[in-house]
Amino acid sequence: MTGPTTVVVVDDQGMVRAGFRSLLSTEPGLEVVGEAGNGEEAVEVVARLAPDVTLMDIRMPVLDGIAATRRLLEGGATTRVIVLTTFDLDEYVFEALRAGASGFLLKDAPAEELADAIRVVAAGDSLLAPQITRRVIDAFVDRAAPRRNAPDARLQHLTPRELEVLRLLARGLSNQDISERLFVSEGTTKTHVSNVLAKLGLRDRVQAVVFAYENGVVVAGEQDPSYG
């Protein structure tokens, strides 16, 4: 029998941390194992406790949530980070996604939504539903031009079908949408998605979206040729 999904809560306000701990204490299968009041503390606490999921505030003293997320994930931490934000499309969210966060959640989200988000991310799935992904894409590409002059060499490892799947992922399509578009089973699509993430060394679908736009696999404002 597997144990509970472990969570660390990172926020510079003690009352916020206490509120999240209280909310999650009533949820079966979830356990808050630690807290941190800034990004520096978060790096130490998460490294020590290795929680399944870290709820990470963005704006904090000493070290902000973006830098803390980047330091943790570049350092090999296996925790999955959910960014906490006050604003629906806070500009800092996009930098957090670049840093490796698996999604974002509003601080005033209902308890059941918070719990569901933790379970989804802990299971290895992307937190962002396809319709939310599209909104993130729209705002992301408005702020971020591709950073590289040449595409990442890892793209060469993808088959033509996997590259096609990456393009559709980057446009916010769900596995079901992709299956219908490519006339394959959903199981086949899941295999393609897994292969894409593995070959590119990406954590989840959110990172695939960021990677695709930064490497010119899809271009902001470009019409999807598959649409009539």
Protein backbone atom coordinates (compact mmCIF):
# COMPACT_ATOMS: atom_id res chain seq x y z
CA MET A 1 0.00 0.00 0.00
CA THR A 2 1.42 3.36 -0.98
CA GLY A 3 1.59 6.18 1.50
CA PRO A 4 -0.01 9.60 1.28
CA THR A 5 0.97 12.22 -1.26
CA THR A 6 3.34 14.52 0.59
CA VAL A 7 3.22 18.29 0.22
CA VAL A 8 5.39 21.25 1.23
CA VAL A 9 3.74 24.68 1.38
CA VAL A 10 5.91 27.70 0.53
CA ASP A 11 4.56 31.20 1.20
CA ASP A 12 5.94 34.22 3.01
CA GLN A 13 2.69 34.73 4.95
CA GLY A 14 2.22 32.44 7.93
CA MET A 15 -1.55 32.72 7.79
CA VAL A 16 -1.59 31.57 4.18
CA ARG A 17 0.57 28.55 5.03
CA ALA A 18 -1.67 27.72 7.97
CA GLY A 19 -4.74 28.04 5.77
CA PHE A 20 -3.40 25.63 3.17
CA ARG A 21 -2.34 23.17 5.87
CA SER A 22 -5.80 23.32 7.40
CA LEU A 23 -7.53 22.82 4.05
CA LEU A 24 -5.36 19.88 3.09
CA SER A 25 -5.58 18.18 6.48
CA THR A 26 -9.17 17.19 5.69
CA GLU A 27 -8.30 15.68 2.31
CA PRO A 28 -7.73 11.91 2.26
CA GLY A 29 -4.40 10.75 0.92
CA LEU A 30 -2.67 14.13 1.28
CA GLU A 31 -0.20 15.12 3.99
CA VAL A 32 1.55 18.47 4.51
CA VAL A 33 5.01 17.49 5.72
CA GLY A 34 6.69 20.89 5.78
CA GLU A 35 6.52 24.64 5.26
CA ALA A 36 8.86 27.42 4.16
CA GLY A 37 8.60 31.19 4.37
CA ASN A 38 10.84 32.13 1.45
CA GLY A 39 12.56 30.57 -1.53
CA GLU A 40 15.85 29.98 0.26
CA GLU A 41 14.06 28.02 2.98
CA ALA A 42 12.04 26.21 0.33
CA VAL A 43 15.18 24.87 -1.36
CA GLU A 44 16.46 23.51 1.96
CA VAL A 45 13.12 22.08 3.13
CA VAL A 46 12.24 20.44 -0.19
CA ALA A 47 15.74 18.98 -0.57
CA ARG A 48 15.49 17.50 2.92
CA LEU A 49 11.91 16.21 2.83
CA ALA A 50 11.59 15.34 -0.89
CA PRO A 51 7.82 15.97 -1.05
CA ASP A 52 5.79 14.71 -3.98
CA VAL A 53 4.39 18.20 -4.59
CA THR A 54 5.50 21.71 -3.63
CA LEU A 55 3.00 24.58 -3.49
CA MET A 56 5.20 27.56 -4.36
CA ASP A 57 4.31 31.21 -3.94
CA ILE A 58 6.02 33.43 -6.52
CA ARG A 59 6.61 36.73 -4.76
CA MET A 60 8.72 36.15 -1.65
CA PRO A 61 11.69 37.78 0.07
CA VAL A 62 15.28 36.43 0.04
CA LEU A 63 14.66 34.19 -2.99
CA ASP A 64 11.51 34.35 -5.09
CA GLY A 65 9.49 31.34 -6.15
CA ILE A 66 10.78 31.36 -9.73
CA ALA A 67 14.43 31.22 -8.67
CA ALA A 68 13.64 28.62 -6.01
CA THR A 69 11.81 26.43 -8.54
CA ARG A 70 14.67 26.70 -11.00
CA ARG A 71 17.27 25.88 -8.36
CA LEU A 72 15.33 22.87 -7.10
CA LEU A 73 14.61 21.32 -10.47
CA GLU A 74 18.01 22.03 -11.98
CA GLY A 75 19.45 20.44 -8.85
CA GLY A 76 17.61 17.21 -9.57
CA ALA A 77 14.70 17.49 -7.15
CA THR A 78 11.85 15.17 -8.10
CA THR A 79 9.12 17.28 -6.53
CA ARG A 80 6.48 18.71 -8.84
CA VAL A 81 5.87 22.40 -8.37
CA ILE A 82 2.49 24.10 -8.44
CA VAL A 83 2.87 27.86 -8.56
CA LEU A 84 0.48 29.85 -6.38
CA THR A 85 -0.61 33.21 -7.70
CA THR A 86 -3.10 35.91 -6.81
CA PHE A 87 -3.77 36.82 -10.43
CA ASP A 88 -5.15 34.54 -13.12
CA LEU A 89 -2.45 35.31 -15.66
CA ASP A 90 0.25 36.88 -13.55
CA GLU A 91 3.21 37.69 -15.80
CA TYR A 92 5.48 35.83 -13.39
CA VAL A 93 3.61 32.60 -14.07
CA PHE A 94 5.27 32.29 -17.46
CA GLU A 95 8.75 32.55 -16.03
CA ALA A 96 7.78 29.94 -13.43
CA LEU A 97 6.64 27.57 -16.18
CA ARG A 98 9.96 28.14 -17.93
CA ALA A 99 11.72 27.33 -14.69
CA GLY A 100 10.00 23.94 -14.59
CA ALA A 101 6.75 24.39 -12.70
CA SER A 102 4.04 21.89 -13.66
CA GLY A 103 1.21 24.42 -13.57
CA PHE A 104 -0.34 27.20 -11.57
CA LEU A 105 -3.26 27.70 -9.25
CA LEU A 106 -5.02 30.72 -7.81
CA LYS A 107 -4.53 31.20 -4.09
CA ASP A 108 -8.27 31.52 -3.55
CA ALA A 109 -9.07 28.24 -5.30
CA PRO A 110 -11.60 26.04 -3.44
CA ALA A 111 -10.18 23.29 -1.24
CA GLU A 112 -11.35 20.52 -3.57
CA GLU A 113 -9.70 22.20 -6.56
CA LEU A 114 -6.45 22.53 -4.65
CA ALA A 115 -6.57 18.88 -3.60
CA ASP A 116 -7.41 17.72 -7.12
CA ALA A 117 -4.54 19.78 -8.54
CA ILE A 118 -2.08 18.18 -6.12
CA ARG A 119 -3.28 14.69 -7.02
CA VAL A 120 -3.11 15.38 -10.76
CA VAL A 121 0.42 16.76 -10.61
CA ALA A 122 1.61 14.03 -8.22
CA ALA A 123 0.41 11.45 -10.75
CA GLY A 124 2.72 13.00 -13.33
CA ASP A 125 0.07 14.78 -15.37
CA SER A 126 -0.05 18.41 -16.40
CA LEU A 127 -2.17 20.61 -14.18
CA LEU A 128 -3.32 22.80 -17.03
CA ALA A 129 -6.49 21.68 -18.75
CA PRO A 130 -6.39 22.17 -22.54
CA GLN A 131 -8.56 25.30 -22.46
CA ILE A 132 -6.32 26.82 -19.78
CA THR A 133 -3.24 25.78 -21.75
CA ARG A 134 -4.54 27.77 -24.71
CA ARG A 135 -4.91 30.88 -22.57
CA VAL A 136 -1.43 30.39 -21.17
CA ILE A 137 -0.09 29.99 -24.71
CA ASP A 138 -1.78 33.17 -25.87
CA ALA A 139 -0.34 35.21 -23.03
CA PHE A 140 3.01 33.41 -23.10
CA VAL A 141 3.72 34.08 -26.77
CA ASP A 142 2.78 37.73 -26.38
CA ARG A 143 5.63 38.10 -23.91
CA ALA A 144 8.22 35.65 -25.15
CA ALA A 145 9.97 35.49 -28.49
CA PRO A 146 11.98 32.34 -29.23
CA ARG A 147 15.22 32.52 -27.28
CA ARG A 148 17.43 30.37 -29.47
CA ASN A 149 18.85 31.22 -32.87
CA ALA A 150 18.81 27.56 -33.83
CA PRO A 151 16.34 24.86 -32.72
CA ASP A 152 17.39 22.56 -29.89
CA ALA A 153 19.32 19.55 -31.21
CA ARG A 154 17.04 17.18 -29.28
CA LEU A 155 14.34 17.83 -31.89
CA GLN A 156 16.34 15.69 -34.31
CA HIS A 157 15.53 12.64 -32.19
CA LEU A 158 11.79 12.96 -32.84
CA THR A 159 10.11 11.00 -35.62
CA PRO A 160 7.91 12.99 -38.03
CA ARG A 161 4.81 11.72 -36.18
CA GLU A 162 6.24 12.70 -32.79
CA LEU A 163 7.05 16.18 -34.12
CA GLU A 164 3.46 16.44 -35.32
CA VAL A 165 2.23 15.43 -31.86
CA LEU A 166 4.48 18.07 -30.28
CA ARG A 167 2.98 20.74 -32.55
CA LEU A 168 -0.53 19.74 -31.53
CA LEU A 169 0.44 19.61 -27.85
CA ALA A 170 1.83 23.11 -28.17
CA ARG A 171 -1.48 24.33 -29.56
CA GLY A 172 -3.21 23.13 -26.39
CA LEU A 173 -4.91 20.01 -27.78
CA SER A 174 -5.84 17.21 -25.39
CA ASN A 175 -4.89 13.57 -26.05
CA GLN A 176 -8.42 12.97 -27.29
CA ASP A 177 -8.21 15.94 -29.67
CA ILE A 178 -4.86 14.72 -30.98
CA SER A 179 -6.21 11.19 -31.46
CA GLU A 180 -9.11 12.48 -33.53
CA ARG A 181 -6.84 14.75 -35.57
CA LEU A 182 -4.36 11.96 -36.36
CA PHE A 183 -6.94 9.15 -36.66
CA VAL A 184 -5.22 6.99 -34.05
CA SER A 185 -6.30 5.56 -30.71
CA GLU A 186 -5.94 7.56 -27.52
CA GLY A 187 -3.54 4.89 -26.25
CA THR A 188 -1.31 5.45 -29.26
CA THR A 189 -1.41 9.19 -28.66
CA LYS A 190 -0.40 8.71 -25.01
CA THR A 191 2.56 6.63 -26.18
CA HIS A 192 3.60 9.34 -28.63
CA VAL A 193 3.31 12.02 -25.93
CA SER A 194 5.40 9.93 -23.52
CA ASN A 195 8.05 9.40 -26.20
CA VAL A 196 8.16 13.13 -26.99
CA LEU A 197 8.64 14.07 -23.35
CA ALA A 198 11.27 11.36 -22.83
CA LYS A 199 13.30 12.23 -25.93
CA LEU A 200 13.25 15.95 -25.16
CA GLY A 201 13.92 15.44 -21.46
CA LEU A 202 10.79 17.35 -20.45
CA ARG A 203 8.78 16.89 -17.29
CA ASP A 204 5.26 17.31 -18.63
CA ARG A 205 2.97 18.86 -21.24
CA VAL A 206 3.44 22.37 -19.86
CA GLN A 207 7.17 22.14 -20.52
CA ALA A 208 6.43 20.80 -24.01
CA VAL A 209 4.40 23.93 -24.78
CA VAL A 210 7.21 26.20 -23.61
CA PHE A 211 9.84 24.18 -25.50
CA ALA A 212 7.86 24.16 -28.73
CA TYR A 213 7.39 27.94 -28.79
CA GLU A 214 10.94 28.72 -27.75
CA ASN A 215 12.31 26.48 -30.50
CA GLY A 216 10.05 27.60 -33.32
CA VAL A 217 8.19 24.29 -33.64
CA VAL A 218 5.10 26.46 -33.69
CA VAL A 219 5.08 30.20 -34.21
CA ALA A 220 2.94 32.72 -32.38
CA GLY A 221 0.08 33.92 -34.54
CA GLU A 222 0.65 31.26 -37.18
CA GLN A 223 -2.56 29.65 -38.39
CA ASP A 224 -2.88 25.95 -37.69
CA PRO A 225 -2.87 24.44 -41.21
CA SER A 226 -5.01 21.53 -40.02
CA TYR A 227 -7.94 23.84 -39.48
CA GLY A 228 -10.10 24.47 -42.46
